[in-house]
Amino acid sequence: MVSTDDLVHAEFAAAASAVAAARPEVDLETARELMDEAATMLHNSLALDSLSATDAAVVVRHLAADLTAVDPSTAVLARSLAVAEDPSGLDEPGIVAETYLVCAAVLGL
């Protein structure tokens, strides 16, 4: 089983590579460093620790995409609000919605 920390680092590294490939103005090394720092901050904060493995995988995947959006703050907030509209596939939608907001706070969004 992959740890949440390993999952965050892997997903965030993949997102950094994807955004650098899609947007020529984004430097790959800088994107990787920023996403690695974000992953470390989330790990150190324990923000993801209350999630089930299933919910953690969903949150990490979504955060990776949202943090590479043009406006990460808006993307993460919208993600949190969207959970109330469509909680399907989540073990604990309320905790997931709150976790997005906690992660935004930890990352200073």
PDB file of N, CA and C in Angstrom:
ATOM      1  N   MET A   1       0.830  -1.172   0.000  1.00  0.00           N
ATOM      2  CA  MET A   1       0.000   0.000   0.000  1.00  0.00           C
ATOM      3  C   MET A   1       0.884   1.248   0.000  1.00  0.00           C
ATOM      4  N   VAL A   2       0.540   2.216  -0.828  1.00  0.00           N
ATOM      5  CA  VAL A   2       1.294   3.455  -0.940  1.00  0.00           C
ATOM      6  C   VAL A   2       0.861   4.399   0.180  1.00  0.00           C
ATOM      7  N   SER A   3       1.836   5.020   0.835  1.00  0.00           N
ATOM      8  CA  SER A   3       1.493   5.967   1.890  1.00  0.00           C
ATOM      9  C   SER A   3       0.918   7.240   1.283  1.00  0.00           C
ATOM     10  N   THR A   4       0.169   7.974   2.073  1.00  0.00           N
ATOM     11  CA  THR A   4      -0.401   9.229   1.601  1.00  0.00           C
ATOM     12  C   THR A   4       0.716  10.191   1.219  1.00  0.00           C
ATOM     13  N   ASP A   5       1.793  10.215   1.997  1.00  0.00           N
ATOM     14  CA  ASP A   5       2.918  11.101   1.687  1.00  0.00           C
ATOM     15  C   ASP A   5       3.526  10.763   0.325  1.00  0.00           C
ATOM     16  N   ASP A   6       3.732   9.483   0.062  1.00  0.00           N
ATOM     17  CA  ASP A   6       4.274   9.075  -1.241  1.00  0.00           C
ATOM     18  C   ASP A   6       3.309   9.436  -2.363  1.00  0.00           C
ATOM     19  N   LEU A   7       2.024   9.244  -2.119  1.00  0.00           N
ATOM     20  CA  LEU A   7       1.007   9.572  -3.107  1.00  0.00           C
ATOM     21  C   LEU A   7       1.008  11.067  -3.419  1.00  0.00           C
ATOM     22  N   VAL A   8       1.058  11.903  -2.379  1.00  0.00           N
ATOM     23  CA  VAL A   8       1.074  13.359  -2.579  1.00  0.00           C
ATOM     24  C   VAL A   8       2.287  13.762  -3.406  1.00  0.00           C
ATOM     25  N   HIS A   9       3.446  13.267  -3.039  1.00  0.00           N
ATOM     26  CA  HIS A   9       4.653  13.643  -3.779  1.00  0.00           C
ATOM     27  C   HIS A   9       4.589  13.167  -5.234  1.00  0.00           C
ATOM     28  N   ALA A  10       4.116  11.968  -5.464  1.00  0.00           N
ATOM     29  CA  ALA A  10       4.032  11.448  -6.830  1.00  0.00           C
ATOM     30  C   ALA A  10       3.018  12.225  -7.666  1.00  0.00           C
ATOM     31  N   GLU A  11       1.831  12.458  -7.119  1.00  0.00           N
ATOM     32  CA  GLU A  11       0.796  13.188  -7.860  1.00  0.00           C
ATOM     33  C   GLU A  11       1.208  14.632  -8.120  1.00  0.00           C
ATOM     34  N   PHE A  12       1.810  15.267  -7.126  1.00  0.00           N
ATOM     35  CA  PHE A  12       2.217  16.659  -7.291  1.00  0.00           C
ATOM     36  C   PHE A  12       3.362  16.773  -8.295  1.00  0.00           C
ATOM     37  N   ALA A  13       4.286  15.820  -8.297  1.00  0.00           N
ATOM     38  CA  ALA A  13       5.375  15.829  -9.283  1.00  0.00           C
ATOM     39  C   ALA A  13       4.816  15.651 -10.696  1.00  0.00           C
ATOM     40  N   ALA A  14       3.852  14.752 -10.841  1.00  0.00           N
ATOM     41  CA  ALA A  14       3.227  14.541 -12.151  1.00  0.00           C
ATOM     42  C   ALA A  14       2.495  15.796 -12.611  1.00  0.00           C
ATOM     43  N   ALA A  15       1.821  16.467 -11.686  1.00  0.00           N
ATOM     44  CA  ALA A  15       1.106  17.707 -12.034  1.00  0.00           C
ATOM     45  C   ALA A  15       2.085  18.797 -12.448  1.00  0.00           C
ATOM     46  N   ALA A  16       3.209  18.889 -11.763  1.00  0.00           N
ATOM     47  CA  ALA A  16       4.232  19.880 -12.127  1.00  0.00           C
ATOM     48  C   ALA A  16       4.744  19.625 -13.538  1.00  0.00           C
ATOM     49  N   SER A  17       5.000  18.384 -13.849  1.00  0.00           N
ATOM     50  CA  SER A  17       5.472  18.035 -15.203  1.00  0.00           C
ATOM     51  C   SER A  17       4.413  18.344 -16.251  1.00  0.00           C
ATOM     52  N   ALA A  18       3.169  18.034 -15.934  1.00  0.00           N
ATOM     53  CA  ALA A  18       2.078  18.268 -16.888  1.00  0.00           C
ATOM     54  C   ALA A  18       1.875  19.758 -17.155  1.00  0.00           C
ATOM     55  N   VAL A  19       1.902  20.559 -16.100  1.00  0.00           N
ATOM     56  CA  VAL A  19       1.681  21.994 -16.301  1.00  0.00           C
ATOM     57  C   VAL A  19       2.852  22.626 -17.041  1.00  0.00           C
ATOM     58  N   ALA A  20       4.063  22.168 -16.787  1.00  0.00           N
ATOM     59  CA  ALA A  20       5.223  22.699 -17.501  1.00  0.00           C
ATOM     60  C   ALA A  20       5.177  22.316 -18.977  1.00  0.00           C
ATOM     61  N   ALA A  21       4.667  21.142 -19.274  1.00  0.00           N
ATOM     62  CA  ALA A  21       4.542  20.710 -20.666  1.00  0.00           C
ATOM     63  C   ALA A  21       3.439  21.471 -21.398  1.00  0.00           C
ATOM     64  N   ALA A  22       2.374  21.785 -20.689  1.00  0.00           N
ATOM     65  CA  ALA A  22       1.216  22.438 -21.306  1.00  0.00           C
ATOM     66  C   ALA A  22       1.371  23.959 -21.415  1.00  0.00           C
ATOM     67  N   ARG A  23       2.139  24.536 -20.503  1.00  0.00           N
ATOM     68  CA  ARG A  23       2.275  25.994 -20.481  1.00  0.00           C
ATOM     69  C   ARG A  23       3.751  26.365 -20.591  1.00  0.00           C
ATOM     70  N   PRO A  24       4.169  26.823 -21.770  1.00  0.00           N
ATOM     71  CA  PRO A  24       5.595  27.087 -22.012  1.00  0.00           C
ATOM     72  C   PRO A  24       6.215  28.113 -21.067  1.00  0.00           C
ATOM     73  N   GLU A  25       5.405  28.981 -20.460  1.00  0.00           N
ATOM     74  CA  GLU A  25       5.943  29.984 -19.549  1.00  0.00           C
ATOM     75  C   GLU A  25       6.310  29.405 -18.180  1.00  0.00           C
ATOM     76  N   VAL A  26       5.947  28.138 -17.936  1.00  0.00           N
ATOM     77  CA  VAL A  26       6.220  27.490 -16.653  1.00  0.00           C
ATOM     78  C   VAL A  26       7.522  26.706 -16.740  1.00  0.00           C
ATOM     79  N   ASP A  27       8.440  27.035 -15.848  1.00  0.00           N
ATOM     80  CA  ASP A  27       9.722  26.334 -15.771  1.00  0.00           C
ATOM     81  C   ASP A  27       9.530  25.020 -15.006  1.00  0.00           C
ATOM     82  N   LEU A  28       9.942  23.915 -15.590  1.00  0.00           N
ATOM     83  CA  LEU A  28       9.732  22.590 -15.010  1.00  0.00           C
ATOM     84  C   LEU A  28      10.371  22.464 -13.631  1.00  0.00           C
ATOM     85  N   GLU A  29      11.612  22.877 -13.495  1.00  0.00           N
ATOM     86  CA  GLU A  29      12.299  22.736 -12.206  1.00  0.00           C
ATOM     87  C   GLU A  29      11.628  23.566 -11.124  1.00  0.00           C
ATOM     88  N   THR A  30      11.224  24.770 -11.457  1.00  0.00           N
ATOM     89  CA  THR A  30      10.531  25.620 -10.486  1.00  0.00           C
ATOM     90  C   THR A  30       9.199  24.994 -10.090  1.00  0.00           C
ATOM     91  N   ALA A  31       8.457  24.500 -11.075  1.00  0.00           N
ATOM     92  CA  ALA A  31       7.178  23.852 -10.789  1.00  0.00           C
ATOM     93  C   ALA A  31       7.379  22.641  -9.882  1.00  0.00           C
ATOM     94  N   ARG A  32       8.396  21.853 -10.163  1.00  0.00           N
ATOM     95  CA  ARG A  32       8.670  20.678  -9.324  1.00  0.00           C
ATOM     96  C   ARG A  32       9.025  21.083  -7.895  1.00  0.00           C
ATOM     97  N   GLU A  33       9.855  22.110  -7.752  1.00  0.00           N
ATOM     98  CA  GLU A  33      10.241  22.564  -6.419  1.00  0.00           C
ATOM     99  C   GLU A  33       9.036  23.075  -5.636  1.00  0.00           C
ATOM    100  N   LEU A  34       8.191  23.868  -6.294  1.00  0.00           N
ATOM    101  CA  LEU A  34       7.018  24.415  -5.621  1.00  0.00           C
ATOM    102  C   LEU A  34       6.039  23.316  -5.209  1.00  0.00           C
ATOM    103  N   MET A  35       5.821  22.365  -6.089  1.00  0.00           N
ATOM    104  CA  MET A  35       4.895  21.275  -5.770  1.00  0.00           C
ATOM    105  C   MET A  35       5.474  20.352  -4.701  1.00  0.00           C
ATOM    106  N   ASP A  36       6.796  20.157  -4.714  1.00  0.00           N
ATOM    107  CA  ASP A  36       7.422  19.347  -3.672  1.00  0.00           C
ATOM    108  C   ASP A  36       7.284  20.035  -2.318  1.00  0.00           C
ATOM    109  N   GLU A  37       7.461  21.353  -2.300  1.00  0.00           N
ATOM    110  CA  GLU A  37       7.299  22.106  -1.058  1.00  0.00           C
ATOM    111  C   GLU A  37       5.854  22.031  -0.576  1.00  0.00           C
ATOM    112  N   ALA A  38       4.897  22.139  -1.487  1.00  0.00           N
ATOM    113  CA  ALA A  38       3.484  22.034  -1.116  1.00  0.00           C
ATOM    114  C   ALA A  38       3.190  20.646  -0.534  1.00  0.00           C
ATOM    115  N   ALA A  39       3.724  19.616  -1.159  1.00  0.00           N
ATOM    116  CA  ALA A  39       3.512  18.249  -0.666  1.00  0.00           C
ATOM    117  C   ALA A  39       4.095  18.082   0.732  1.00  0.00           C
ATOM    118  N   THR A  40       5.266  18.638   0.945  1.00  0.00           N
ATOM    119  CA  THR A  40       5.907  18.550   2.258  1.00  0.00           C
ATOM    120  C   THR A  40       5.103  19.309   3.311  1.00  0.00           C
ATOM    121  N   MET A  41       4.605  20.489   2.954  1.00  0.00           N
ATOM    122  CA  MET A  41       3.789  21.263   3.881  1.00  0.00           C
ATOM    123  C   MET A  41       2.528  20.494   4.275  1.00  0.00           C
ATOM    124  N   LEU A  42       1.884  19.876   3.302  1.00  0.00           N
ATOM    125  CA  LEU A  42       0.675  19.099   3.605  1.00  0.00           C
ATOM    126  C   LEU A  42       0.998  17.904   4.492  1.00  0.00           C
ATOM    127  N   HIS A  43       2.091  17.240   4.187  1.00  0.00           N
ATOM    128  CA  HIS A  43       2.507  16.095   5.010  1.00  0.00           C
ATOM    129  C   HIS A  43       2.773  16.541   6.451  1.00  0.00           C
ATOM    130  N   ASN A  44       3.546  17.605   6.600  1.00  0.00           N
ATOM    131  CA  ASN A  44       3.904  18.083   7.937  1.00  0.00           C
ATOM    132  C   ASN A  44       2.697  18.594   8.724  1.00  0.00           C
ATOM    133  N   SER A  45       1.697  19.077   8.022  1.00  0.00           N
ATOM    134  CA  SER A  45       0.508  19.631   8.683  1.00  0.00           C
ATOM    135  C   SER A  45      -0.448  18.541   9.172  1.00  0.00           C
ATOM    136  N   LEU A  46      -0.316  17.355   8.650  1.00  0.00           N
ATOM    137  CA  LEU A  46      -1.212  16.240   8.949  1.00  0.00           C
ATOM    138  C   LEU A  46      -2.628  16.474   8.431  1.00  0.00           C
ATOM    139  N   ALA A  47      -2.782  17.406   7.499  1.00  0.00           N
ATOM    140  CA  ALA A  47      -4.105  17.780   6.976  1.00  0.00           C
ATOM    141  C   ALA A  47      -4.840  16.620   6.311  1.00  0.00           C
ATOM    142  N   LEU A  48      -4.109  15.673   5.785  1.00  0.00           N
ATOM    143  CA  LEU A  48      -4.729  14.567   5.052  1.00  0.00           C
ATOM    144  C   LEU A  48      -4.910  13.312   5.913  1.00  0.00           C
ATOM    145  N   ASP A  49      -4.440  13.359   7.130  1.00  0.00           N
ATOM    146  CA  ASP A  49      -4.411  12.156   7.963  1.00  0.00           C
ATOM    147  C   ASP A  49      -5.779  11.632   8.400  1.00  0.00           C
ATOM    148  N   SER A  50      -6.803  12.462   8.399  1.00  0.00           N
ATOM    149  CA  SER A  50      -8.111  11.999   8.845  1.00  0.00           C
ATOM    150  C   SER A  50      -8.933  11.356   7.732  1.00  0.00           C
ATOM    151  N   LEU A  51      -8.378  11.322   6.528  1.00  0.00           N
ATOM    152  CA  LEU A  51      -9.093  10.769   5.379  1.00  0.00           C
ATOM    153  C   LEU A  51      -8.874   9.270   5.242  1.00  0.00           C
ATOM    154  N   SER A  52      -9.884   8.587   4.738  1.00  0.00           N
ATOM    155  CA  SER A  52      -9.711   7.177   4.378  1.00  0.00           C
ATOM    156  C   SER A  52      -8.750   7.118   3.191  1.00  0.00           C
ATOM    157  N   ALA A  53      -8.235   5.963   2.909  1.00  0.00           N
ATOM    158  CA  ALA A  53      -7.314   5.816   1.779  1.00  0.00           C
ATOM    159  C   ALA A  53      -7.984   6.212   0.467  1.00  0.00           C
ATOM    160  N   THR A  54      -9.244   5.848   0.312  1.00  0.00           N
ATOM    161  CA  THR A  54      -9.997   6.186  -0.899  1.00  0.00           C
ATOM    162  C   THR A  54     -10.168   7.687  -1.030  1.00  0.00           C
ATOM    163  N   ASP A  55     -10.610   8.332   0.048  1.00  0.00           N
ATOM    164  CA  ASP A  55     -10.817   9.778   0.021  1.00  0.00           C
ATOM    165  C   ASP A  55      -9.491  10.514  -0.153  1.00  0.00           C
ATOM    166  N   ALA A  56      -8.435  10.036   0.490  1.00  0.00           N
ATOM    167  CA  ALA A  56      -7.124  10.676   0.364  1.00  0.00           C
ATOM    168  C   ALA A  56      -6.658  10.665  -1.091  1.00  0.00           C
ATOM    169  N   ALA A  57      -6.857   9.556  -1.773  1.00  0.00           N
ATOM    170  CA  ALA A  57      -6.441   9.470  -3.177  1.00  0.00           C
ATOM    171  C   ALA A  57      -7.198  10.486  -4.033  1.00  0.00           C
ATOM    172  N   VAL A  58      -8.484  10.640  -3.772  1.00  0.00           N
ATOM    173  CA  VAL A  58      -9.295  11.607  -4.519  1.00  0.00           C
ATOM    174  C   VAL A  58      -8.824  13.029  -4.231  1.00  0.00           C
ATOM    175  N   VAL A  59      -8.664  13.353  -2.956  1.00  0.00           N
ATOM    176  CA  VAL A  59      -8.252  14.698  -2.567  1.00  0.00           C
ATOM    177  C   VAL A  59      -6.877  15.038  -3.140  1.00  0.00           C
ATOM    178  N   VAL A  60      -5.952  14.134  -3.044  1.00  0.00           N
ATOM    179  CA  VAL A  60      -4.598  14.383  -3.547  1.00  0.00           C
ATOM    180  C   VAL A  60      -4.625  14.613  -5.060  1.00  0.00           C
ATOM    181  N   ARG A  61      -5.353  13.794  -5.771  1.00  0.00           N
ATOM    182  CA  ARG A  61      -5.447  13.951  -7.232  1.00  0.00           C
ATOM    183  C   ARG A  61      -6.045  15.313  -7.591  1.00  0.00           C
ATOM    184  N   HIS A  62      -7.107  15.685  -6.900  1.00  0.00           N
ATOM    185  CA  HIS A  62      -7.750  16.974  -7.167  1.00  0.00           C
ATOM    186  C   HIS A  62      -6.868  18.146  -6.763  1.00  0.00           C
ATOM    187  N   LEU A  63      -6.205  18.050  -5.616  1.00  0.00           N
ATOM    188  CA  LEU A  63      -5.318  19.132  -5.197  1.00  0.00           C
ATOM    189  C   LEU A  63      -4.179  19.329  -6.184  1.00  0.00           C
ATOM    190  N   ALA A  64      -3.644  18.239  -6.708  1.00  0.00           N
ATOM    191  CA  ALA A  64      -2.565  18.353  -7.690  1.00  0.00           C
ATOM    192  C   ALA A  64      -3.028  19.160  -8.896  1.00  0.00           C
ATOM    193  N   ALA A  65      -4.230  18.884  -9.354  1.00  0.00           N
ATOM    194  CA  ALA A  65      -4.772  19.633 -10.497  1.00  0.00           C
ATOM    195  C   ALA A  65      -5.076  21.072 -10.112  1.00  0.00           C
ATOM    196  N   ASP A  66      -5.686  21.268  -8.956  1.00  0.00           N
ATOM    197  CA  ASP A  66      -6.084  22.613  -8.543  1.00  0.00           C
ATOM    198  C   ASP A  66      -4.890  23.515  -8.262  1.00  0.00           C
ATOM    199  N   LEU A  67      -3.833  22.979  -7.714  1.00  0.00           N
ATOM    200  CA  LEU A  67      -2.664  23.797  -7.395  1.00  0.00           C
ATOM    201  C   LEU A  67      -1.901  24.238  -8.638  1.00  0.00           C
ATOM    202  N   THR A  68      -2.143  23.593  -9.747  1.00  0.00           N
ATOM    203  CA  THR A  68      -1.491  24.001 -10.995  1.00  0.00           C
ATOM    204  C   THR A  68      -2.438  24.800 -11.878  1.00  0.00           C
ATOM    205  N   ALA A  69      -3.617  25.113 -11.366  1.00  0.00           N
ATOM    206  CA  ALA A  69      -4.565  25.953 -12.096  1.00  0.00           C
ATOM    207  C   ALA A  69      -4.061  27.397 -12.095  1.00  0.00           C
ATOM    208  N   VAL A  70      -4.597  28.197 -12.990  1.00  0.00           N
ATOM    209  CA  VAL A  70      -4.206  29.606 -13.057  1.00  0.00           C
ATOM    210  C   VAL A  70      -4.534  30.313 -11.741  1.00  0.00           C
ATOM    211  N   ASP A  71      -5.651  29.950 -11.118  1.00  0.00           N
ATOM    212  CA  ASP A  71      -6.048  30.533  -9.835  1.00  0.00           C
ATOM    213  C   ASP A  71      -6.307  29.400  -8.836  1.00  0.00           C
ATOM    214  N   PRO A  72      -5.246  28.943  -8.162  1.00  0.00           N
ATOM    215  CA  PRO A  72      -5.388  27.798  -7.253  1.00  0.00           C
ATOM    216  C   PRO A  72      -6.383  28.027  -6.116  1.00  0.00           C
ATOM    217  N   SER A  73      -6.440  29.227  -5.578  1.00  0.00           N
ATOM    218  CA  SER A  73      -7.361  29.504  -4.470  1.00  0.00           C
ATOM    219  C   SER A  73      -8.802  29.248  -4.880  1.00  0.00           C
ATOM    220  N   THR A  74      -9.171  29.790  -6.023  1.00  0.00           N
ATOM    221  CA  THR A  74     -10.531  29.614  -6.521  1.00  0.00           C
ATOM    222  C   THR A  74     -10.796  28.155  -6.850  1.00  0.00           C
ATOM    223  N   ALA A  75      -9.810  27.480  -7.420  1.00  0.00           N
ATOM    224  CA  ALA A  75      -9.984  26.073  -7.798  1.00  0.00           C
ATOM    225  C   ALA A  75     -10.222  25.188  -6.580  1.00  0.00           C
ATOM    226  N   VAL A  76      -9.456  25.403  -5.518  1.00  0.00           N
ATOM    227  CA  VAL A  76      -9.609  24.578  -4.314  1.00  0.00           C
ATOM    228  C   VAL A  76     -10.941  24.892  -3.621  1.00  0.00           C
ATOM    229  N   LEU A  77     -11.312  26.152  -3.551  1.00  0.00           N
ATOM    230  CA  LEU A  77     -12.591  26.516  -2.948  1.00  0.00           C
ATOM    231  C   LEU A  77     -13.746  25.898  -3.730  1.00  0.00           C
ATOM    232  N   ALA A  78     -13.693  25.999  -5.048  1.00  0.00           N
ATOM    233  CA  ALA A  78     -14.739  25.403  -5.887  1.00  0.00           C
ATOM    234  C   ALA A  78     -14.805  23.891  -5.676  1.00  0.00           C
ATOM    235  N   ARG A  79     -13.665  23.268  -5.511  1.00  0.00           N
ATOM    236  CA  ARG A  79     -13.616  21.822  -5.285  1.00  0.00           C
ATOM    237  C   ARG A  79     -14.321  21.473  -3.974  1.00  0.00           C
ATOM    238  N   SER A  80     -14.053  22.243  -2.944  1.00  0.00           N
ATOM    239  CA  SER A  80     -14.686  22.003  -1.651  1.00  0.00           C
ATOM    240  C   SER A  80     -16.203  22.142  -1.757  1.00  0.00           C
ATOM    241  N   LEU A  81     -16.656  23.171  -2.439  1.00  0.00           N
ATOM    242  CA  LEU A  81     -18.095  23.395  -2.602  1.00  0.00           C
ATOM    243  C   LEU A  81     -18.744  22.318  -3.473  1.00  0.00           C
ATOM    244  N   ALA A  82     -18.016  21.802  -4.434  1.00  0.00           N
ATOM    245  CA  ALA A  82     -18.553  20.791  -5.346  1.00  0.00           C
ATOM    246  C   ALA A  82     -18.848  19.472  -4.636  1.00  0.00           C
ATOM    247  N   VAL A  83     -18.151  19.201  -3.549  1.00  0.00           N
ATOM    248  CA  VAL A  83     -18.374  17.954  -2.816  1.00  0.00           C
ATOM    249  C   VAL A  83     -19.816  17.870  -2.323  1.00  0.00           C
ATOM    250  N   ALA A  84     -20.378  19.001  -1.905  1.00  0.00           N
ATOM    251  CA  ALA A  84     -21.767  19.001  -1.420  1.00  0.00           C
ATOM    252  C   ALA A  84     -22.746  18.673  -2.539  1.00  0.00           C
ATOM    253  N   GLU A  85     -22.413  19.092  -3.752  1.00  0.00           N
ATOM    254  CA  GLU A  85     -23.288  18.841  -4.896  1.00  0.00           C
ATOM    255  C   GLU A  85     -23.187  17.417  -5.414  1.00  0.00           C
ATOM    256  N   ASP A  86     -21.988  16.844  -5.338  1.00  0.00           N
ATOM    257  CA  ASP A  86     -21.795  15.487  -5.843  1.00  0.00           C
ATOM    258  C   ASP A  86     -20.813  14.723  -4.952  1.00  0.00           C
ATOM    259  N   PRO A  87     -21.325  14.135  -3.870  1.00  0.00           N
ATOM    260  CA  PRO A  87     -20.453  13.403  -2.954  1.00  0.00           C
ATOM    261  C   PRO A  87     -20.191  11.949  -3.363  1.00  0.00           C
ATOM    262  N   SER A  88     -20.621  11.569  -4.542  1.00  0.00           N
ATOM    263  CA  SER A  88     -20.513  10.161  -4.946  1.00  0.00           C
ATOM    264  C   SER A  88     -19.062   9.692  -4.964  1.00  0.00           C
ATOM    265  N   GLY A  89     -18.890   8.477  -4.498  1.00  0.00           N
ATOM    266  CA  GLY A  89     -17.577   7.850  -4.488  1.00  0.00           C
ATOM    267  C   GLY A  89     -16.717   8.216  -3.292  1.00  0.00           C
ATOM    268  N   LEU A  90     -17.221   9.075  -2.423  1.00  0.00           N
ATOM    269  CA  LEU A  90     -16.454   9.477  -1.244  1.00  0.00           C
ATOM    270  C   LEU A  90     -16.976   8.753  -0.011  1.00  0.00           C
ATOM    271  N   ASP A  91     -16.064   8.360   0.858  1.00  0.00           N
ATOM    272  CA  ASP A  91     -16.464   7.705   2.110  1.00  0.00           C
ATOM    273  C   ASP A  91     -17.075   8.704   3.086  1.00  0.00           C
ATOM    274  N   GLU A  92     -16.443   9.867   3.208  1.00  0.00           N
ATOM    275  CA  GLU A  92     -16.901  10.891   4.154  1.00  0.00           C
ATOM    276  C   GLU A  92     -16.838  12.266   3.487  1.00  0.00           C
ATOM    277  N   PRO A  93     -17.875  12.612   2.715  1.00  0.00           N
ATOM    278  CA  PRO A  93     -17.864  13.867   1.956  1.00  0.00           C
ATOM    279  C   PRO A  93     -17.661  15.117   2.806  1.00  0.00           C
ATOM    280  N   GLY A  94     -18.239  15.158   3.993  1.00  0.00           N
ATOM    281  CA  GLY A  94     -18.075  16.333   4.848  1.00  0.00           C
ATOM    282  C   GLY A  94     -16.629  16.562   5.237  1.00  0.00           C
ATOM    283  N   ILE A  95     -15.949  15.485   5.577  1.00  0.00           N
ATOM    284  CA  ILE A  95     -14.532  15.590   5.944  1.00  0.00           C
ATOM    285  C   ILE A  95     -13.706  15.964   4.720  1.00  0.00           C
ATOM    286  N   VAL A  96     -14.049  15.436   3.560  1.00  0.00           N
ATOM    287  CA  VAL A  96     -13.335  15.772   2.330  1.00  0.00           C
ATOM    288  C   VAL A  96     -13.470  17.260   2.035  1.00  0.00           C
ATOM    289  N   ALA A  97     -14.688  17.790   2.109  1.00  0.00           N
ATOM    290  CA  ALA A  97     -14.915  19.212   1.842  1.00  0.00           C
ATOM    291  C   ALA A  97     -14.102  20.075   2.803  1.00  0.00           C
ATOM    292  N   GLU A  98     -14.094  19.714   4.065  1.00  0.00           N
ATOM    293  CA  GLU A  98     -13.316  20.459   5.054  1.00  0.00           C
ATOM    294  C   GLU A  98     -11.820  20.332   4.805  1.00  0.00           C
ATOM    295  N   THR A  99     -11.382  19.174   4.367  1.00  0.00           N
ATOM    296  CA  THR A  99      -9.965  18.954   4.120  1.00  0.00           C
ATOM    297  C   THR A  99      -9.445  19.859   3.013  1.00  0.00           C
ATOM    298  N   TYR A 100     -10.243  20.061   1.956  1.00  0.00           N
ATOM    299  CA  TYR A 100      -9.821  20.989   0.913  1.00  0.00           C
ATOM    300  C   TYR A 100      -9.550  22.374   1.509  1.00  0.00           C
ATOM    301  N   LEU A 101     -10.426  22.821   2.393  1.00  0.00           N
ATOM    302  CA  LEU A 101     -10.262  24.143   2.996  1.00  0.00           C
ATOM    303  C   LEU A 101      -9.067  24.187   3.942  1.00  0.00           C
ATOM    304  N   VAL A 102      -8.857  23.124   4.694  1.00  0.00           N
ATOM    305  CA  VAL A 102      -7.689  23.048   5.576  1.00  0.00           C
ATOM    306  C   VAL A 102      -6.410  23.087   4.743  1.00  0.00           C
ATOM    307  N   CYS A 103      -6.397  22.343   3.652  1.00  0.00           N
ATOM    308  CA  CYS A 103      -5.216  22.333   2.778  1.00  0.00           C
ATOM    309  C   CYS A 103      -4.957  23.714   2.186  1.00  0.00           C
ATOM    310  N   ALA A 104      -6.018  24.401   1.803  1.00  0.00           N
ATOM    311  CA  ALA A 104      -5.872  25.762   1.287  1.00  0.00           C
ATOM    312  C   ALA A 104      -5.258  26.670   2.347  1.00  0.00           C
ATOM    313  N   ALA A 105      -5.693  26.527   3.583  1.00  0.00           N
ATOM    314  CA  ALA A 105      -5.145  27.339   4.667  1.00  0.00           C
ATOM    315  C   ALA A 105      -3.681  27.001   4.926  1.00  0.00           C
ATOM    316  N   VAL A 106      -3.360  25.714   4.948  1.00  0.00           N
ATOM    317  CA  VAL A 106      -1.979  25.281   5.181  1.00  0.00           C
ATOM    318  C   VAL A 106      -1.062  25.859   4.106  1.00  0.00           C
ATOM    319  N   LEU A 107      -1.545  25.874   2.876  1.00  0.00           N
ATOM    320  CA  LEU A 107      -0.725  26.352   1.746  1.00  0.00           C
ATOM    321  C   LEU A 107      -0.795  27.869   1.552  1.00  0.00           C
ATOM    322  N   GLY A 108      -1.566  28.522   2.386  1.00  0.00           N
ATOM    323  CA  GLY A 108      -1.648  29.980   2.313  1.00  0.00           C
ATOM    324  C   GLY A 108      -2.386  30.485   1.109  1.00  0.00           C
ATOM    325  N   LEU A 109      -3.370  29.704   0.651  1.00  0.00           N
ATOM    326  CA  LEU A 109      -4.133  30.127  -0.508  1.00  0.00           C
ATOM    327  C   LEU A 109      -5.171  31.094  -0.070  1.00  0.00           C
TER     328      LEU A 109
END
